[in-house]
C-alpha atoms as a PDB file:
ATOM      1  CA  MET A   1     145.366 -91.587 -10.163  1.00  0.00           C
ATOM      2  CA  THR A   2     148.973 -90.723  -9.520  1.00  0.00           C
ATOM      3  CA  LYS A   3     150.955 -92.079  -6.561  1.00  0.00           C
ATOM      4  CA  GLY A   4     151.327 -88.647  -5.040  1.00  0.00           C
ATOM      5  CA  THR A   5     147.554 -88.039  -5.073  1.00  0.00           C
ATOM      6  CA  MET A   6     146.905 -91.425  -3.467  1.00  0.00           C
ATOM      7  CA  ALA A   7     149.398 -90.616  -0.653  1.00  0.00           C
ATOM      8  CA  ASP A   8     147.684 -87.233  -0.124  1.00  0.00           C
ATOM      9  CA  GLU A   9     144.244 -88.939   0.169  1.00  0.00           C
ATOM     10  CA  VAL A  10     145.551 -91.406   2.605  1.00  0.00           C
ATOM     11  CA  SER A  11     147.100 -88.777   4.825  1.00  0.00           C
ATOM     12  CA  ILE A  12     143.849 -86.822   4.748  1.00  0.00           C
ATOM     13  CA  LEU A  13     141.784 -89.889   5.792  1.00  0.00           C
ATOM     14  CA  ARG A  14     144.284 -90.620   8.579  1.00  0.00           C
ATOM     15  CA  PHE A  15     143.894 -87.009   9.779  1.00  0.00           C
ATOM     16  CA  PHE A  16     140.118 -87.549  10.198  1.00  0.00           C
ATOM     17  CA  GLU A  17     140.616 -90.969  11.829  1.00  0.00           C
ATOM     18  CA  ASP A  18     143.525 -90.151  14.217  1.00  0.00           C
ATOM     19  CA  GLY A  19     143.645 -86.435  14.489  1.00  0.00           C
ATOM     20  CA  PRO A  20     142.239 -84.302  17.278  1.00  0.00           C
ATOM     21  CA  ILE A  21     138.454 -84.347  17.094  1.00  0.00           C
ATOM     22  CA  ALA A  22     138.074 -80.622  17.465  1.00  0.00           C
ATOM     23  CA  LYS A  23     140.302 -79.957  14.441  1.00  0.00           C
ATOM     24  CA  ALA A  24     138.746 -82.749  12.404  1.00  0.00           C
ATOM     25  CA  GLU A  25     135.225 -81.261  13.057  1.00  0.00           C
ATOM     26  CA  VAL A  26     136.294 -77.824  11.919  1.00  0.00           C
ATOM     27  CA  VAL A  27     137.940 -79.070   8.794  1.00  0.00           C
ATOM     28  CA  PHE A  28     134.944 -81.348   8.047  1.00  0.00           C
ATOM     29  CA  ASN A  29     132.486 -78.502   8.330  1.00  0.00           C
ATOM     30  CA  ILE A  30     134.595 -76.350   5.975  1.00  0.00           C
ATOM     31  CA  VAL A  31     134.836 -79.222   3.418  1.00  0.00           C
ATOM     32  CA  ARG A  32     131.120 -79.934   3.625  1.00  0.00           C
ATOM     33  CA  GLU A  33     130.181 -76.270   2.957  1.00  0.00           C
ATOM     34  CA  LYS A  34     132.625 -76.141  -0.023  1.00  0.00           C
ATOM     35  CA  MET A  35     131.135 -79.318  -1.470  1.00  0.00           C
ATOM     36  CA  ARG A  36     127.589 -77.955  -1.067  1.00  0.00           C
ATOM     37  CA  GLU A  37     128.668 -74.837  -3.022  1.00  0.00           C
ATOM     38  CA  ARG A  38     130.174 -77.010  -5.747  1.00  0.00           C
ATOM     39  CA  LEU A  39     127.063 -79.166  -6.013  1.00  0.00           C
ATOM     40  CA  CYS A  40     124.858 -76.139  -6.388  1.00  0.00           C
ATOM     41  CA  GLU A  41     127.139 -74.721  -9.123  1.00  0.00           C
ATOM     42  CA  ARG A  42     127.282 -78.166 -10.925  1.00  0.00           C
ATOM     43  CA  ASP A  43     123.477 -78.494 -10.809  1.00  0.00           C
ATOM     44  CA  GLY A  44     122.959 -74.942 -11.998  1.00  0.00           C
ATOM     45  CA  ASN A  45     120.611 -73.926  -9.176  1.00  0.00           C
ATOM     46  CA  GLY A  46     122.070 -71.259  -6.892  1.00  0.00           C
ATOM     47  CA  ASP A  47     119.327 -71.616  -4.308  1.00  0.00           C
ATOM     48  CA  GLY A  48     121.228 -74.135  -2.191  1.00  0.00           C
ATOM     49  CA  THR A  49     118.783 -77.018  -2.567  1.00  0.00           C
ATOM     50  CA  ALA A  50     121.396 -79.418  -3.633  1.00  0.00           C
ATOM     51  CA  GLY A  51     123.181 -79.323  -0.349  1.00  0.00           C
ATOM     52  CA  THR A  52     120.137 -79.484   1.955  1.00  0.00           C
ATOM     53  CA  PRO A  53     120.195 -82.650   4.069  1.00  0.00           C
ATOM     54  CA  THR A  54     117.401 -85.114   3.917  1.00  0.00           C
ATOM     55  CA  PRO A  55     115.562 -86.153   7.124  1.00  0.00           C
ATOM     56  CA  ARG A  56     117.099 -89.125   8.707  1.00  0.00           C
ATOM     57  CA  LYS A  57     115.277 -92.252   9.748  1.00  0.00           C
ATOM     58  CA  ARG A  58     115.004 -92.740  13.481  1.00  0.00           C
ATOM     59  CA  SER A  59     117.174 -95.425  14.958  1.00  0.00           C
ATOM     60  CA  ALA A  60     115.658 -98.417  16.730  1.00  0.00           C
ATOM     61  CA  ARG A  61     118.195 -97.948  19.566  1.00  0.00           C
ATOM     62  CA  PRO A  62     116.690 -95.738  22.356  1.00  0.00           C
ATOM     63  CA  GLY A  63     119.954 -93.846  23.253  1.00  0.00           C
ATOM     64  CA  ALA A  64     120.929 -93.165  19.600  1.00  0.00           C
ATOM     65  CA  ASP A  65     118.441 -90.333  19.130  1.00  0.00           C
ATOM     66  CA  ALA A  66     119.640 -88.493  22.182  1.00  0.00           C
ATOM     67  CA  ALA A  67     123.353 -88.809  21.068  1.00  0.00           C
ATOM     68  CA  ARG A  68     122.386 -87.564  17.578  1.00  0.00           C
ATOM     69  CA  GLU A  69     120.554 -84.534  18.997  1.00  0.00           C
ATOM     70  CA  VAL A  70     123.571 -83.614  21.103  1.00  0.00           C
ATOM     71  CA  ALA A  71     125.893 -83.916  18.063  1.00  0.00           C
ATOM     72  CA  GLU A  72     123.574 -81.778  15.924  1.00  0.00           C
ATOM     73  CA  ALA A  73     123.300 -79.162  18.623  1.00  0.00           C
ATOM     74  CA  LYS A  74     127.057 -78.709  18.493  1.00  0.00           C
ATOM     75  CA  ASN A  75     126.932 -77.954  14.834  1.00  0.00           C
END
């Protein structure tokens, strides 16, 4: 990997860590959808099954489920 590419990756990671949360969420959602498209193309199935999320295991913490539901409702 070239030095320029590494600097770009570091700046992107810093954006997600330190940038405004609203902008980071928008960019993340765009990147997620593009990656799902690429996975579908690579796997050769255009039906979208490569990008479907798997069900998550419930957390042992009582407040964690409510926080996750609020976060998912925003998406």
